[in-house]
Amino acid sequence: MTTLTSRPAAATLAAFMVGFSAAAIADKDQDDGNKFAARLSGYNEVHFIAGPPAALRGAVSTQASGSFRAVIDDGASTIHYELSYEGVGGREGAVTQAHIHFGQRHTVGAIVVWLCQTAGTPAPAAVAAVTPFCPTPGGTVTGTITPAQVLTATGQGINTGEFDEVVRAIRAGATYANVHSTVFAPGEIRGRIERGDRGHHDRD
């Protein structure tokens, strides 16, 4: 026996499925809009040389590599992050610190958030207690950024505690993750933080 579905019922089912798909896509887009990542490489580095004359110097030749992932929670005013790296410092050095900097591609920007610290290079007193330690010689560090961890970017318009300004900068593609070492004090591997969650980006 064959059961026929009435046209109104079929239309209702089709409309439901379309609505469900649209909602699922909207939820996915919203989730993706809160996920960010960066691929860290020495080729992305830009160092400021005081001189004279003062100048920017780009690219570092290193075997080190790394990745950064972050998820923004606007409602809770937090950013959950994961930073992984290996080979930083090479055989003759070691990792010293890592941060989020506020700066456009091919520029040097101020530190706005510490991602990890070391005993030799501790984070500022205001954020030291909530800054995790960098794994050595390599590995993964995770943490949660709150408004209390945002530092002033002098002359760049972001002041202490201005979490929303940092989030806005991340979403605008105006931040980068940077891992520093004793060999390359201004930074050994760097990557621009971009929308996505796969950590495959290699542009800066």
N, C-alpha and C. Protein backbone atom coordinates (compact mmCIF):
# COMPACT_ATOMS: atom_id res chain seq x y z
N MET A 1 0.85 -1.19 0.00
CA MET A 1 0.00 0.00 0.00
C MET A 1 0.89 1.25 0.00
N THR A 2 0.59 2.17 -0.90
CA THR A 2 1.37 3.39 -1.02
C THR A 2 0.67 4.54 -0.33
N THR A 3 1.40 5.24 0.52
CA THR A 3 0.83 6.39 1.23
C THR A 3 1.28 7.66 0.54
N LEU A 4 0.35 8.50 0.15
CA LEU A 4 0.67 9.74 -0.53
C LEU A 4 0.69 10.89 0.45
N THR A 5 1.70 11.71 0.34
CA THR A 5 1.78 12.89 1.20
C THR A 5 1.08 14.04 0.51
N SER A 6 0.18 14.66 1.22
CA SER A 6 -0.56 15.78 0.64
C SER A 6 0.37 16.93 0.31
N ARG A 7 -0.02 17.73 -0.66
CA ARG A 7 0.82 18.85 -1.07
C ARG A 7 1.04 19.85 0.07
N PRO A 8 0.03 20.19 0.84
CA PRO A 8 0.28 21.13 1.96
C PRO A 8 1.28 20.58 2.96
N ALA A 9 1.17 19.26 3.24
CA ALA A 9 2.10 18.66 4.20
C ALA A 9 3.52 18.66 3.64
N ALA A 10 3.65 18.35 2.34
CA ALA A 10 4.96 18.34 1.71
C ALA A 10 5.57 19.74 1.71
N ALA A 11 4.73 20.72 1.43
CA ALA A 11 5.21 22.11 1.42
C ALA A 11 5.67 22.54 2.80
N THR A 12 4.89 22.11 3.81
CA THR A 12 5.27 22.46 5.19
C THR A 12 6.59 21.82 5.57
N LEU A 13 6.76 20.53 5.17
CA LEU A 13 8.00 19.83 5.46
C LEU A 13 9.18 20.50 4.77
N ALA A 14 8.98 20.87 3.50
CA ALA A 14 10.05 21.53 2.74
C ALA A 14 10.43 22.86 3.39
N ALA A 15 9.42 23.62 3.81
CA ALA A 15 9.68 24.91 4.44
C ALA A 15 10.43 24.72 5.74
N PHE A 16 10.07 23.68 6.49
CA PHE A 16 10.75 23.39 7.75
C PHE A 16 12.22 23.06 7.51
N MET A 17 12.47 22.23 6.47
CA MET A 17 13.84 21.83 6.19
C MET A 17 14.68 23.03 5.74
N VAL A 18 14.09 23.90 4.94
CA VAL A 18 14.80 25.10 4.50
C VAL A 18 15.12 25.99 5.70
N GLY A 19 14.12 26.15 6.58
CA GLY A 19 14.34 26.97 7.78
C GLY A 19 15.39 26.38 8.68
N PHE A 20 15.36 25.06 8.83
CA PHE A 20 16.34 24.38 9.67
C PHE A 20 17.75 24.56 9.10
N SER A 21 17.87 24.39 7.77
CA SER A 21 19.17 24.54 7.13
C SER A 21 19.69 25.95 7.27
N ALA A 22 18.80 26.93 7.10
CA ALA A 22 19.22 28.33 7.23
C ALA A 22 19.69 28.63 8.64
N ALA A 23 18.97 28.07 9.63
CA ALA A 23 19.36 28.29 11.02
C ALA A 23 20.70 27.63 11.31
N ALA A 24 20.90 26.43 10.76
CA ALA A 24 22.16 25.72 10.97
C ALA A 24 23.32 26.50 10.36
N ILE A 25 23.10 27.04 9.16
CA ILE A 25 24.14 27.83 8.49
C ILE A 25 24.43 29.08 9.29
N ALA A 26 23.37 29.72 9.80
CA ALA A 26 23.55 30.95 10.59
C ALA A 26 24.34 30.67 11.85
N ASP A 27 24.02 29.53 12.52
CA ASP A 27 24.76 29.16 13.73
C ASP A 27 26.23 28.89 13.40
N LYS A 28 26.46 28.20 12.27
CA LYS A 28 27.83 27.90 11.88
C LYS A 28 28.60 29.19 11.57
N ASP A 29 27.94 30.11 10.85
CA ASP A 29 28.59 31.38 10.54
C ASP A 29 28.92 32.16 11.80
N GLN A 30 27.99 32.10 12.78
CA GLN A 30 28.23 32.80 14.04
C GLN A 30 29.42 32.19 14.78
N ASP A 31 29.47 30.85 14.79
CA ASP A 31 30.59 30.17 15.44
C ASP A 31 31.91 30.52 14.74
N ASP A 32 31.90 30.45 13.39
CA ASP A 32 33.10 30.75 12.64
C ASP A 32 33.53 32.19 12.83
N GLY A 33 32.57 33.08 13.07
CA GLY A 33 32.88 34.48 13.28
C GLY A 33 33.58 34.74 14.59
N ASN A 34 33.58 33.75 15.48
CA ASN A 34 34.24 33.89 16.78
C ASN A 34 35.53 33.08 16.87
N LYS A 35 35.89 32.38 15.80
CA LYS A 35 37.09 31.56 15.80
C LYS A 35 38.17 32.23 14.95
N PHE A 36 39.39 32.25 15.49
CA PHE A 36 40.49 32.91 14.80
C PHE A 36 41.75 32.06 14.93
N ALA A 37 42.66 32.23 13.98
CA ALA A 37 43.87 31.41 14.00
C ALA A 37 45.00 32.12 13.29
N ALA A 38 46.21 31.64 13.53
CA ALA A 38 47.40 32.17 12.86
C ALA A 38 48.42 31.06 12.73
N ARG A 39 49.16 31.09 11.65
CA ARG A 39 50.31 30.21 11.49
C ARG A 39 51.55 31.07 11.71
N LEU A 40 52.42 30.66 12.62
CA LEU A 40 53.58 31.46 13.01
C LEU A 40 54.84 30.99 12.28
N SER A 41 55.53 31.96 11.69
CA SER A 41 56.73 31.66 10.92
C SER A 41 57.74 32.79 11.08
N GLY A 42 59.01 32.46 10.95
CA GLY A 42 60.04 33.48 10.98
C GLY A 42 59.98 34.40 9.79
N TYR A 43 59.43 33.93 8.68
CA TYR A 43 59.33 34.75 7.48
C TYR A 43 58.35 35.90 7.65
N ASN A 44 57.50 35.83 8.67
CA ASN A 44 56.54 36.91 8.93
C ASN A 44 57.08 37.98 9.86
N GLU A 45 58.27 37.76 10.41
CA GLU A 45 58.78 38.68 11.42
C GLU A 45 59.13 40.06 10.83
N VAL A 46 58.88 41.09 11.64
CA VAL A 46 59.28 42.47 11.33
C VAL A 46 59.88 43.04 12.61
N HIS A 47 61.14 43.47 12.55
CA HIS A 47 61.83 43.99 13.73
C HIS A 47 62.12 45.48 13.55
N PHE A 48 61.94 46.22 14.62
CA PHE A 48 62.31 47.63 14.61
C PHE A 48 63.75 47.77 15.09
N ILE A 49 64.58 48.37 14.28
CA ILE A 49 65.99 48.60 14.62
C ILE A 49 66.15 50.08 14.95
N ALA A 50 66.60 50.35 16.17
CA ALA A 50 66.67 51.74 16.61
C ALA A 50 67.65 52.58 15.81
N GLY A 51 68.66 51.93 15.26
CA GLY A 51 69.62 52.66 14.42
C GLY A 51 70.70 53.36 15.22
N PRO A 52 71.29 54.46 14.75
CA PRO A 52 70.80 55.18 13.56
C PRO A 52 71.29 54.57 12.25
N PRO A 53 70.47 54.72 11.18
CA PRO A 53 69.12 55.29 11.20
C PRO A 53 68.10 54.25 11.65
N ALA A 54 66.99 54.70 12.23
CA ALA A 54 65.93 53.79 12.64
C ALA A 54 65.29 53.16 11.41
N ALA A 55 64.96 51.87 11.52
CA ALA A 55 64.40 51.19 10.35
C ALA A 55 63.66 49.94 10.77
N LEU A 56 62.84 49.43 9.87
CA LEU A 56 62.19 48.14 10.05
C LEU A 56 62.97 47.11 9.26
N ARG A 57 63.18 45.96 9.88
CA ARG A 57 63.90 44.87 9.21
C ARG A 57 62.99 43.65 9.22
N GLY A 58 62.80 43.02 8.08
CA GLY A 58 61.85 41.92 7.98
C GLY A 58 62.46 40.56 7.79
N ALA A 59 61.78 39.53 8.25
CA ALA A 59 62.08 38.11 8.05
C ALA A 59 63.23 37.61 8.91
N VAL A 60 63.01 36.44 9.47
CA VAL A 60 64.01 35.73 10.27
C VAL A 60 64.12 34.31 9.71
N SER A 61 65.34 33.84 9.50
CA SER A 61 65.55 32.48 9.04
C SER A 61 65.68 31.57 10.25
N THR A 62 64.69 30.72 10.45
CA THR A 62 64.64 29.85 11.61
C THR A 62 63.87 28.58 11.27
N GLN A 63 64.18 27.50 11.95
CA GLN A 63 63.45 26.24 11.78
C GLN A 63 62.21 26.19 12.66
N ALA A 64 62.04 27.19 13.51
CA ALA A 64 60.90 27.21 14.43
C ALA A 64 59.58 27.39 13.68
N SER A 65 58.52 26.89 14.25
CA SER A 65 57.19 27.05 13.68
C SER A 65 56.18 27.02 14.81
N GLY A 66 54.97 27.48 14.52
CA GLY A 66 53.95 27.48 15.56
C GLY A 66 52.57 27.80 15.01
N SER A 67 51.59 27.70 15.87
CA SER A 67 50.22 28.03 15.50
C SER A 67 49.51 28.65 16.70
N PHE A 68 48.51 29.43 16.38
CA PHE A 68 47.71 30.10 17.42
C PHE A 68 46.24 29.96 17.05
N ARG A 69 45.43 29.62 18.04
CA ARG A 69 43.97 29.52 17.84
C ARG A 69 43.28 30.24 18.98
N ALA A 70 42.17 30.88 18.66
CA ALA A 70 41.43 31.61 19.69
C ALA A 70 39.93 31.56 19.40
N VAL A 71 39.15 31.54 20.46
CA VAL A 71 37.70 31.60 20.36
C VAL A 71 37.21 32.74 21.24
N ILE A 72 36.52 33.69 20.62
CA ILE A 72 36.01 34.85 21.35
C ILE A 72 34.61 34.56 21.87
N ASP A 73 34.39 34.84 23.14
CA ASP A 73 33.07 34.74 23.76
C ASP A 73 32.65 36.15 24.17
N ASP A 74 31.86 36.79 23.32
CA ASP A 74 31.46 38.17 23.58
C ASP A 74 30.64 38.31 24.84
N GLY A 75 29.75 37.35 25.07
CA GLY A 75 28.87 37.43 26.23
C GLY A 75 29.62 37.38 27.54
N ALA A 76 30.67 36.55 27.59
CA ALA A 76 31.46 36.39 28.82
C ALA A 76 32.66 37.32 28.86
N SER A 77 32.90 38.05 27.77
CA SER A 77 34.08 38.93 27.65
C SER A 77 35.37 38.14 27.92
N THR A 78 35.52 37.05 27.18
CA THR A 78 36.72 36.22 27.30
C THR A 78 37.20 35.80 25.91
N ILE A 79 38.46 35.47 25.84
CA ILE A 79 39.04 34.85 24.65
C ILE A 79 39.80 33.62 25.12
N HIS A 80 39.38 32.45 24.70
CA HIS A 80 40.09 31.22 25.04
C HIS A 80 41.10 30.95 23.92
N TYR A 81 42.35 30.68 24.28
CA TYR A 81 43.36 30.52 23.24
C TYR A 81 44.25 29.31 23.48
N GLU A 82 44.89 28.89 22.40
CA GLU A 82 45.87 27.81 22.42
C GLU A 82 47.05 28.22 21.55
N LEU A 83 48.23 28.23 22.12
CA LEU A 83 49.45 28.57 21.40
C LEU A 83 50.37 27.35 21.40
N SER A 84 50.80 26.94 20.22
CA SER A 84 51.72 25.80 20.09
C SER A 84 52.93 26.23 19.27
N TYR A 85 54.11 25.74 19.65
CA TYR A 85 55.31 26.05 18.89
C TYR A 85 56.37 24.99 19.14
N GLU A 86 57.35 24.96 18.24
CA GLU A 86 58.48 24.05 18.40
C GLU A 86 59.70 24.67 17.73
N GLY A 87 60.88 24.35 18.27
CA GLY A 87 62.13 24.81 17.69
C GLY A 87 62.50 26.24 18.00
N VAL A 88 61.73 26.94 18.83
CA VAL A 88 62.02 28.34 19.13
C VAL A 88 63.32 28.43 19.92
N GLY A 89 64.22 29.29 19.47
CA GLY A 89 65.51 29.42 20.12
C GLY A 89 66.58 28.51 19.55
N GLY A 90 66.15 27.49 18.81
CA GLY A 90 67.11 26.56 18.22
C GLY A 90 67.92 25.82 19.28
N ARG A 91 69.13 25.44 18.92
CA ARG A 91 69.99 24.70 19.86
C ARG A 91 70.70 25.61 20.84
N GLU A 92 70.78 26.90 20.50
CA GLU A 92 71.59 27.81 21.30
C GLU A 92 70.77 28.75 22.17
N GLY A 93 69.47 28.70 22.06
CA GLY A 93 68.64 29.64 22.80
C GLY A 93 67.39 28.99 23.37
N ALA A 94 66.45 29.84 23.76
CA ALA A 94 65.21 29.35 24.37
C ALA A 94 64.12 30.39 24.20
N VAL A 95 62.89 29.94 24.31
CA VAL A 95 61.76 30.86 24.26
C VAL A 95 61.80 31.77 25.49
N THR A 96 61.36 33.01 25.33
CA THR A 96 61.35 33.95 26.46
C THR A 96 59.95 34.45 26.80
N GLN A 97 59.09 34.62 25.77
CA GLN A 97 57.76 35.22 26.00
C GLN A 97 56.94 35.14 24.73
N ALA A 98 55.65 35.35 24.85
CA ALA A 98 54.77 35.39 23.68
C ALA A 98 53.61 36.33 23.97
N HIS A 99 53.12 36.99 22.91
CA HIS A 99 52.09 38.02 23.08
C HIS A 99 51.15 38.11 21.88
N ILE A 100 50.07 38.87 22.08
CA ILE A 100 49.29 39.42 20.99
C ILE A 100 49.70 40.88 20.86
N HIS A 101 50.07 41.29 19.65
CA HIS A 101 50.45 42.66 19.38
C HIS A 101 49.36 43.34 18.53
N PHE A 102 49.21 44.63 18.71
CA PHE A 102 48.27 45.43 17.93
C PHE A 102 49.04 46.12 16.81
N GLY A 103 48.93 45.57 15.61
CA GLY A 103 49.68 46.14 14.49
C GLY A 103 49.24 45.53 13.18
N GLN A 104 49.29 46.31 12.13
CA GLN A 104 48.94 45.84 10.80
C GLN A 104 50.05 44.98 10.21
N ARG A 105 49.75 44.37 9.09
CA ARG A 105 50.72 43.55 8.37
C ARG A 105 51.97 44.36 8.05
N HIS A 106 53.13 43.75 8.23
CA HIS A 106 54.43 44.35 7.93
C HIS A 106 54.76 45.56 8.81
N THR A 107 54.16 45.64 9.99
CA THR A 107 54.49 46.71 10.93
C THR A 107 54.80 46.10 12.29
N VAL A 108 55.34 46.92 13.19
CA VAL A 108 55.59 46.51 14.57
C VAL A 108 54.56 47.20 15.45
N GLY A 109 53.82 46.42 16.23
CA GLY A 109 52.78 46.98 17.09
C GLY A 109 53.03 46.69 18.55
N ALA A 110 52.36 47.43 19.41
CA ALA A 110 52.53 47.28 20.85
C ALA A 110 51.91 45.98 21.35
N ILE A 111 52.43 45.49 22.47
CA ILE A 111 51.85 44.31 23.14
C ILE A 111 50.55 44.72 23.81
N VAL A 112 49.47 43.98 23.53
CA VAL A 112 48.20 44.24 24.22
C VAL A 112 47.81 43.10 25.15
N VAL A 113 48.33 41.90 24.90
CA VAL A 113 48.04 40.74 25.76
C VAL A 113 49.27 39.84 25.82
N TRP A 114 49.64 39.41 27.04
CA TRP A 114 50.68 38.40 27.20
C TRP A 114 50.04 37.03 27.09
N LEU A 115 50.62 36.17 26.24
CA LEU A 115 50.13 34.80 26.09
C LEU A 115 50.87 33.84 27.01
N CYS A 116 52.18 34.07 27.21
CA CYS A 116 52.93 33.26 28.17
C CYS A 116 54.21 33.99 28.55
N GLN A 117 54.77 33.60 29.66
CA GLN A 117 55.96 34.23 30.23
C GLN A 117 56.96 33.16 30.64
N THR A 118 58.16 33.59 31.00
CA THR A 118 59.17 32.68 31.55
C THR A 118 59.76 33.33 32.80
N ALA A 119 60.49 32.54 33.57
CA ALA A 119 61.10 33.07 34.79
C ALA A 119 62.08 34.19 34.46
N GLY A 120 62.78 34.06 33.34
CA GLY A 120 63.74 35.07 32.96
C GLY A 120 63.12 36.32 32.37
N THR A 121 61.92 36.17 31.80
CA THR A 121 61.19 37.30 31.21
C THR A 121 59.75 37.25 31.70
N PRO A 122 59.53 37.71 32.94
CA PRO A 122 58.17 37.64 33.50
C PRO A 122 57.26 38.71 32.90
N ALA A 123 55.98 38.43 32.92
CA ALA A 123 54.98 39.40 32.47
C ALA A 123 54.94 40.57 33.45
N PRO A 124 54.41 41.72 33.03
CA PRO A 124 54.27 42.84 33.96
C PRO A 124 53.49 42.44 35.21
N ALA A 125 53.79 43.08 36.33
CA ALA A 125 53.18 42.72 37.61
C ALA A 125 51.66 42.70 37.55
N ALA A 126 51.07 43.57 36.76
CA ALA A 126 49.61 43.68 36.70
C ALA A 126 48.96 42.43 36.13
N VAL A 127 49.70 41.67 35.31
CA VAL A 127 49.10 40.49 34.68
C VAL A 127 49.90 39.21 34.93
N ALA A 128 50.98 39.28 35.68
CA ALA A 128 51.86 38.12 35.89
C ALA A 128 51.13 36.94 36.53
N ALA A 129 50.24 37.21 37.47
CA ALA A 129 49.56 36.13 38.20
C ALA A 129 48.61 35.33 37.32
N VAL A 130 48.15 35.92 36.23
CA VAL A 130 47.18 35.23 35.36
C VAL A 130 47.78 34.88 34.00
N THR A 131 49.10 35.02 33.87
CA THR A 131 49.77 34.68 32.62
C THR A 131 50.46 33.33 32.77
N PRO A 132 50.10 32.35 31.94
CA PRO A 132 50.74 31.04 32.06
C PRO A 132 52.21 31.07 31.64
N PHE A 133 52.94 30.04 32.00
CA PHE A 133 54.34 29.96 31.63
C PHE A 133 54.50 29.26 30.28
N CYS A 134 55.47 29.73 29.53
CA CYS A 134 55.74 29.18 28.20
C CYS A 134 56.36 27.78 28.34
N PRO A 135 55.89 26.81 27.61
CA PRO A 135 56.51 25.48 27.65
C PRO A 135 57.88 25.52 26.98
N THR A 136 58.85 24.84 27.57
CA THR A 136 60.19 24.78 27.00
C THR A 136 60.64 23.33 26.88
N PRO A 137 61.32 22.96 25.80
CA PRO A 137 61.74 23.84 24.70
C PRO A 137 60.63 24.14 23.71
N GLY A 138 59.52 23.44 23.81
CA GLY A 138 58.37 23.66 22.93
C GLY A 138 57.16 22.96 23.50
N GLY A 139 56.02 23.14 22.86
CA GLY A 139 54.80 22.51 23.34
C GLY A 139 53.60 23.41 23.13
N THR A 140 52.59 23.22 23.98
CA THR A 140 51.33 23.94 23.84
C THR A 140 50.96 24.59 25.16
N VAL A 141 50.53 25.83 25.10
CA VAL A 141 50.05 26.54 26.28
C VAL A 141 48.64 27.04 25.98
N THR A 142 47.75 26.93 26.95
CA THR A 142 46.38 27.42 26.79
C THR A 142 46.08 28.44 27.88
N GLY A 143 45.12 29.29 27.62
CA GLY A 143 44.75 30.30 28.60
C GLY A 143 43.46 30.99 28.22
N THR A 144 43.01 31.86 29.11
CA THR A 144 41.80 32.64 28.89
C THR A 144 42.11 34.11 29.13
N ILE A 145 41.83 34.92 28.13
CA ILE A 145 42.07 36.36 28.20
C ILE A 145 40.80 37.05 28.70
N THR A 146 40.94 37.90 29.69
CA THR A 146 39.84 38.69 30.23
C THR A 146 40.19 40.17 30.11
N PRO A 147 39.24 41.06 30.34
CA PRO A 147 39.56 42.50 30.27
C PRO A 147 40.73 42.91 31.14
N ALA A 148 40.90 42.26 32.29
CA ALA A 148 41.98 42.63 33.21
C ALA A 148 43.35 42.36 32.63
N GLN A 149 43.44 41.56 31.57
CA GLN A 149 44.74 41.22 30.98
C GLN A 149 45.14 42.12 29.81
N VAL A 150 44.25 43.02 29.42
CA VAL A 150 44.54 43.92 28.30
C VAL A 150 45.42 45.07 28.77
N LEU A 151 46.54 45.27 28.07
CA LEU A 151 47.50 46.31 28.43
C LEU A 151 47.37 47.51 27.48
N THR A 152 47.89 48.63 27.91
CA THR A 152 47.85 49.85 27.10
C THR A 152 48.82 49.74 25.92
N ALA A 153 48.31 50.07 24.73
CA ALA A 153 49.15 50.20 23.54
C ALA A 153 49.42 51.69 23.38
N THR A 154 50.51 52.15 23.95
CA THR A 154 50.80 53.58 24.00
C THR A 154 50.82 54.20 22.60
N GLY A 155 50.04 55.26 22.45
CA GLY A 155 49.99 55.97 21.18
C GLY A 155 49.15 55.30 20.12
N GLN A 156 48.50 54.16 20.46
CA GLN A 156 47.71 53.44 19.47
C GLN A 156 46.22 53.38 19.82
N GLY A 157 45.82 53.99 20.92
CA GLY A 157 44.40 54.12 21.20
C GLY A 157 43.75 53.01 21.99
N ILE A 158 44.53 52.02 22.42
CA ILE A 158 43.99 50.96 23.28
C ILE A 158 44.56 51.16 24.67
N ASN A 159 43.66 51.27 25.65
CA ASN A 159 44.09 51.48 27.03
C ASN A 159 43.87 50.23 27.87
N THR A 160 44.45 50.21 29.03
CA THR A 160 44.34 49.07 29.94
C THR A 160 42.88 48.67 30.16
N GLY A 161 42.60 47.38 30.02
CA GLY A 161 41.27 46.86 30.29
C GLY A 161 40.28 46.99 29.14
N GLU A 162 40.68 47.59 28.02
CA GLU A 162 39.74 47.79 26.91
C GLU A 162 39.65 46.54 26.04
N PHE A 163 38.99 45.55 26.60
CA PHE A 163 38.83 44.24 25.95
C PHE A 163 38.13 44.36 24.61
N ASP A 164 37.06 45.13 24.55
CA ASP A 164 36.30 45.26 23.31
C ASP A 164 37.14 45.84 22.18
N GLU A 165 38.08 46.72 22.53
CA GLU A 165 38.95 47.30 21.51
C GLU A 165 39.89 46.24 20.93
N VAL A 166 40.38 45.34 21.79
CA VAL A 166 41.24 44.26 21.31
C VAL A 166 40.45 43.31 20.41
N VAL A 167 39.22 42.98 20.82
CA VAL A 167 38.37 42.12 20.01
C VAL A 167 38.11 42.76 18.65
N ARG A 168 37.84 44.05 18.65
CA ARG A 168 37.58 44.77 17.40
C ARG A 168 38.81 44.73 16.50
N ALA A 169 39.98 44.87 17.10
CA ALA A 169 41.22 44.82 16.33
C ALA A 169 41.46 43.43 15.75
N ILE A 170 41.18 42.39 16.54
CA ILE A 170 41.32 41.02 16.06
C ILE A 170 40.42 40.78 14.86
N ARG A 171 39.17 41.20 14.98
CA ARG A 171 38.20 40.99 13.89
C ARG A 171 38.56 41.80 12.65
N ALA A 172 39.29 42.88 12.84
CA ALA A 172 39.70 43.72 11.71
C ALA A 172 41.00 43.22 11.07
N GLY A 173 41.60 42.17 11.65
CA GLY A 173 42.86 41.65 11.11
C GLY A 173 44.05 42.50 11.45
N ALA A 174 43.94 43.27 12.55
CA ALA A 174 45.01 44.20 12.93
C ALA A 174 45.78 43.74 14.17
N THR A 175 45.88 42.43 14.37
CA THR A 175 46.67 41.88 15.48
C THR A 175 47.51 40.71 14.97
N TYR A 176 48.58 40.42 15.69
CA TYR A 176 49.39 39.26 15.35
C TYR A 176 49.93 38.62 16.62
N ALA A 177 50.14 37.31 16.54
CA ALA A 177 50.76 36.57 17.64
C ALA A 177 52.26 36.51 17.37
N ASN A 178 53.07 36.66 18.44
CA ASN A 178 54.52 36.73 18.29
C ASN A 178 55.18 35.96 19.43
N VAL A 179 56.08 35.05 19.08
CA VAL A 179 56.84 34.29 20.08
C VAL A 179 58.30 34.75 20.01
N HIS A 180 58.83 35.16 21.16
CA HIS A 180 60.18 35.72 21.24
C HIS A 180 61.14 34.69 21.82
N SER A 181 62.43 34.89 21.53
CA SER A 181 63.44 33.96 22.04
C SER A 181 64.70 34.73 22.42
N THR A 182 65.63 34.03 23.07
CA THR A 182 66.91 34.65 23.42
C THR A 182 67.74 34.92 22.17
N VAL A 183 67.52 34.16 21.12
CA VAL A 183 68.26 34.34 19.87
C VAL A 183 67.70 35.52 19.07
N PHE A 184 66.36 35.61 19.03
CA PHE A 184 65.69 36.70 18.32
C PHE A 184 64.76 37.41 19.30
N ALA A 185 65.36 38.34 20.04
CA ALA A 185 64.62 39.01 21.11
C ALA A 185 63.36 39.75 20.63
N PRO A 186 63.37 40.42 19.46
CA PRO A 186 62.14 41.11 19.01
C PRO A 186 61.05 40.15 18.52
N GLY A 187 61.41 38.88 18.34
CA GLY A 187 60.44 37.89 17.91
C GLY A 187 61.07 36.91 16.93
N GLU A 188 60.76 35.61 17.11
CA GLU A 188 61.31 34.59 16.21
C GLU A 188 60.28 34.06 15.23
N ILE A 189 59.04 33.89 15.68
CA ILE A 189 57.97 33.46 14.78
C ILE A 189 56.73 34.31 15.04
N ARG A 190 56.07 34.66 13.97
CA ARG A 190 54.94 35.59 14.05
C ARG A 190 53.89 35.19 13.03
N GLY A 191 52.63 35.52 13.32
CA GLY A 191 51.56 35.27 12.36
C GLY A 191 50.38 36.19 12.61
N ARG A 192 49.81 36.69 11.52
CA ARG A 192 48.64 37.56 11.65
C ARG A 192 47.43 36.72 12.06
N ILE A 193 46.66 37.21 13.01
CA ILE A 193 45.49 36.50 13.50
C ILE A 193 44.32 36.79 12.56
N GLU A 194 43.78 35.72 11.98
CA GLU A 194 42.72 35.85 10.99
C GLU A 194 41.54 34.96 11.33
N ARG A 195 40.40 35.27 10.73
CA ARG A 195 39.19 34.51 10.95
C ARG A 195 39.36 33.07 10.46
N GLY A 196 38.95 32.11 11.25
CA GLY A 196 39.09 30.71 10.91
C GLY A 196 39.60 29.92 12.10
N ASP A 197 39.64 28.59 11.97
CA ASP A 197 40.06 27.79 13.13
C ASP A 197 41.05 26.69 12.75
N ARG A 198 41.63 26.75 11.55
CA ARG A 198 42.53 25.69 11.15
C ARG A 198 44.00 26.01 11.31
N GLY A 199 44.32 27.27 11.60
CA GLY A 199 45.70 27.64 11.85
C GLY A 199 46.62 27.46 10.67
N HIS A 200 46.07 27.62 9.43
CA HIS A 200 46.89 27.37 8.25
C HIS A 200 47.41 28.66 7.62
N HIS A 201 47.05 29.79 8.16
CA HIS A 201 47.43 31.06 7.56
C HIS A 201 48.93 31.29 7.67
N ASP A 202 49.52 31.83 6.61
CA ASP A 202 50.94 32.10 6.64
C ASP A 202 51.24 33.51 6.16
N ARG A 203 50.23 34.36 6.11
CA ARG A 203 50.45 35.75 5.69
C ARG A 203 50.52 36.66 6.89
N ASP A 204 51.28 37.76 6.72
CA ASP A 204 51.36 38.73 7.79
C ASP A 204 51.57 40.12 7.21
